[in-house]
Structure formats: C-alpha cells, structure tokens
C-alpha cells in the first residue's frame, strides 16, 4: 500500500454545515475502504489547512478517484501528497550513486 497525506480545507458550503462534518468523514472512510484503502490518521488542524489525513491506498488512481469524488460533493478541497516511508527514502537517496 502507498501512503498519502491529504491536506483538506472546507469550502464555504462545507463550513456552513460543519456540524455534519463528522458524518461526512465517516462516509469518506467507508468509501475509501470500499476502494481498497484506509485512513490511518485524521486531524483537525489550525493554520493554512482545516484538516489533515494520512491514508493508504493501493495506487495513485484510487486516491485520484477518491479525491475527485470528495470534491464533487462540494464540501472540501484537497491537496494530496504521495508519501515515501523512511526505508524508501533511504533507497532513493542511495540509488543516486
């Protein structure tokens, strides 16, 4: 599984109905699970982003579909980062010669 970090902001629509946000999170977790992935961590944050999620998925296409489906609902906008664990990081750097 590949790890992804999702930086999330509420849209105007999403923050107007912020009380429903936990239900939307539960639905998102279920959707990602049905797509073969999972949320590993989730945080409400202060600063540039409203929320941060660490998720795993089988591949980039699954995460792209997932983010697009979430975006279609109009409650959030996401920025997704593919994350390499420390071992992969070390292998990438070592392969540079």
C-alpha atoms as a PDB file:
ATOM      1  CA  UNK A   1       0.000   0.000   0.000  1.00  0.00           C
ATOM      2  CA  UNK A   2       1.105   3.527  -0.705  1.00  0.00           C
ATOM      3  CA  UNK A   3       0.792   6.305   1.877  1.00  0.00           C
ATOM      4  CA  UNK A   4      -0.791   9.646   1.038  1.00  0.00           C
ATOM      5  CA  UNK A   5      -1.084  12.841   3.050  1.00  0.00           C
ATOM      6  CA  UNK A   6      -4.242  14.799   2.317  1.00  0.00           C
ATOM      7  CA  UNK A   7      -4.367  18.488   3.188  1.00  0.00           C
ATOM      8  CA  UNK A   8      -8.013  19.493   3.425  1.00  0.00           C
ATOM      9  CA  UNK A   9      -9.929  22.762   3.555  1.00  0.00           C
ATOM     10  CA  UNK A  10     -13.637  23.272   3.956  1.00  0.00           C
ATOM     11  CA  UNK A  11     -15.380  25.160   1.190  1.00  0.00           C
ATOM     12  CA  UNK A  12     -17.937  27.828   2.094  1.00  0.00           C
ATOM     13  CA  UNK A  13     -20.612  25.156   1.698  1.00  0.00           C
ATOM     14  CA  UNK A  14     -18.731  22.709   3.913  1.00  0.00           C
ATOM     15  CA  UNK A  15     -18.160  25.133   6.757  1.00  0.00           C
ATOM     16  CA  UNK A  16     -21.785  26.326   6.697  1.00  0.00           C
ATOM     17  CA  UNK A  17     -22.759  22.732   7.503  1.00  0.00           C
ATOM     18  CA  UNK A  18     -19.753  21.975   9.718  1.00  0.00           C
ATOM     19  CA  UNK A  19     -21.884  20.080  12.234  1.00  0.00           C
ATOM     20  CA  UNK A  20     -22.360  17.366   9.585  1.00  0.00           C
ATOM     21  CA  UNK A  21     -18.619  17.098   9.021  1.00  0.00           C
ATOM     22  CA  UNK A  22     -18.140  14.036  11.285  1.00  0.00           C
ATOM     23  CA  UNK A  23     -20.813  12.164   9.304  1.00  0.00           C
ATOM     24  CA  UNK A  24     -19.093  13.155   6.068  1.00  0.00           C
ATOM     25  CA  UNK A  25     -15.770  11.906   7.481  1.00  0.00           C
ATOM     26  CA  UNK A  26     -17.379   8.565   8.349  1.00  0.00           C
ATOM     27  CA  UNK A  27     -18.772   8.330   4.802  1.00  0.00           C
ATOM     28  CA  UNK A  28     -15.339   9.165   3.349  1.00  0.00           C
ATOM     29  CA  UNK A  29     -13.679   6.475   5.467  1.00  0.00           C
ATOM     30  CA  UNK A  30     -16.257   3.954   4.278  1.00  0.00           C
ATOM     31  CA  UNK A  31     -15.786   4.982   0.637  1.00  0.00           C
ATOM     32  CA  UNK A  32     -12.002   4.700   0.796  1.00  0.00           C
ATOM     33  CA  UNK A  33     -12.352   1.313   2.479  1.00  0.00           C
ATOM     34  CA  UNK A  34     -14.598   0.126  -0.357  1.00  0.00           C
ATOM     35  CA  UNK A  35     -11.910   1.300  -2.785  1.00  0.00           C
ATOM     36  CA  UNK A  36      -9.286  -0.831  -1.023  1.00  0.00           C
ATOM     37  CA  UNK A  37      -7.695   1.880   1.108  1.00  0.00           C
ATOM     38  CA  UNK A  38      -7.961   3.211   4.643  1.00  0.00           C
ATOM     39  CA  UNK A  39      -7.451   6.266   6.807  1.00  0.00           C
ATOM     40  CA  UNK A  40      -4.519   5.788   9.169  1.00  0.00           C
ATOM     41  CA  UNK A  41      -4.772   9.134  10.964  1.00  0.00           C
ATOM     42  CA  UNK A  42      -7.022  12.175  10.851  1.00  0.00           C
ATOM     43  CA  UNK A  43      -6.502  15.590  12.444  1.00  0.00           C
ATOM     44  CA  UNK A  44      -8.441  18.817  12.794  1.00  0.00           C
ATOM     45  CA  UNK A  45      -5.741  21.449  12.348  1.00  0.00           C
ATOM     46  CA  UNK A  46      -5.205  25.153  12.861  1.00  0.00           C
ATOM     47  CA  UNK A  47      -3.427  27.221  10.252  1.00  0.00           C
ATOM     48  CA  UNK A  48      -3.416  27.006   6.465  1.00  0.00           C
ATOM     49  CA  UNK A  49      -5.400  23.744   6.382  1.00  0.00           C
ATOM     50  CA  UNK A  50      -8.541  22.801   8.285  1.00  0.00           C
ATOM     51  CA  UNK A  51      -7.814  19.068   8.406  1.00  0.00           C
ATOM     52  CA  UNK A  52      -5.010  16.630   7.599  1.00  0.00           C
ATOM     53  CA  UNK A  53      -5.471  12.939   6.857  1.00  0.00           C
ATOM     54  CA  UNK A  54      -2.914  10.180   6.433  1.00  0.00           C
ATOM     55  CA  UNK A  55      -4.328   7.460   4.222  1.00  0.00           C
ATOM     56  CA  UNK A  56      -3.192   4.322   2.457  1.00  0.00           C
ATOM     57  CA  UNK A  57      -4.411   3.130  -0.912  1.00  0.00           C
ATOM     58  CA  UNK A  58      -3.418   0.507  -3.473  1.00  0.00           C
ATOM     59  CA  UNK A  59      -2.306   3.087  -6.066  1.00  0.00           C
ATOM     60  CA  UNK A  60      -2.425   6.677  -7.269  1.00  0.00           C
ATOM     61  CA  UNK A  61      -5.512   6.096  -9.420  1.00  0.00           C
ATOM     62  CA  UNK A  62      -7.569   5.033  -6.390  1.00  0.00           C
ATOM     63  CA  UNK A  63      -6.579   8.166  -4.484  1.00  0.00           C
ATOM     64  CA  UNK A  64      -7.256  10.363  -7.510  1.00  0.00           C
ATOM     65  CA  UNK A  65     -10.771   8.901  -7.857  1.00  0.00           C
ATOM     66  CA  UNK A  66     -11.335   9.234  -4.125  1.00  0.00           C
ATOM     67  CA  UNK A  67     -10.295  12.920  -4.075  1.00  0.00           C
ATOM     68  CA  UNK A  68     -12.444  13.680  -7.122  1.00  0.00           C
ATOM     69  CA  UNK A  69     -15.489  12.029  -5.565  1.00  0.00           C
ATOM     70  CA  UNK A  70     -14.979  14.025  -2.364  1.00  0.00           C
ATOM     71  CA  UNK A  71     -14.553  17.234  -4.357  1.00  0.00           C
ATOM     72  CA  UNK A  72     -17.766  16.613  -6.301  1.00  0.00           C
ATOM     73  CA  UNK A  73     -19.782  16.896  -3.087  1.00  0.00           C
ATOM     74  CA  UNK A  74     -18.599  20.498  -2.735  1.00  0.00           C
ATOM     75  CA  UNK A  75     -17.775  20.461   0.987  1.00  0.00           C
ATOM     76  CA  UNK A  76     -13.977  20.249   0.842  1.00  0.00           C
ATOM     77  CA  UNK A  77     -10.985  20.869  -1.383  1.00  0.00           C
ATOM     78  CA  UNK A  78      -7.948  18.628  -1.056  1.00  0.00           C
ATOM     79  CA  UNK A  79      -4.254  18.645  -1.841  1.00  0.00           C
ATOM     80  CA  UNK A  80      -2.774  15.184  -1.883  1.00  0.00           C
ATOM     81  CA  UNK A  81       0.874  14.309  -1.348  1.00  0.00           C
ATOM     82  CA  UNK A  82       2.346  10.899  -2.074  1.00  0.00           C
ATOM     83  CA  UNK A  83       4.499   9.964   0.919  1.00  0.00           C
ATOM     84  CA  UNK A  84       7.565   7.725   0.857  1.00  0.00           C
ATOM     85  CA  UNK A  85       8.401   5.940   4.128  1.00  0.00           C
ATOM     86  CA  UNK A  86      11.891   6.236   5.571  1.00  0.00           C
ATOM     87  CA  UNK A  87      13.144   2.981   4.044  1.00  0.00           C
ATOM     88  CA  UNK A  88      12.060   4.058   0.549  1.00  0.00           C
ATOM     89  CA  UNK A  89      13.589   7.475   1.138  1.00  0.00           C
ATOM     90  CA  UNK A  90      16.915   5.873   2.039  1.00  0.00           C
ATOM     91  CA  UNK A  91      16.765   3.577  -1.018  1.00  0.00           C
ATOM     92  CA  UNK A  92      16.017   6.528  -3.320  1.00  0.00           C
ATOM     93  CA  UNK A  93      18.922   8.544  -1.944  1.00  0.00           C
ATOM     94  CA  UNK A  94      21.278   5.532  -2.064  1.00  0.00           C
ATOM     95  CA  UNK A  95      20.371   4.880  -5.704  1.00  0.00           C
ATOM     96  CA  UNK A  96      21.718   8.293  -6.660  1.00  0.00           C
ATOM     97  CA  UNK A  97      25.241   6.906  -6.591  1.00  0.00           C
END
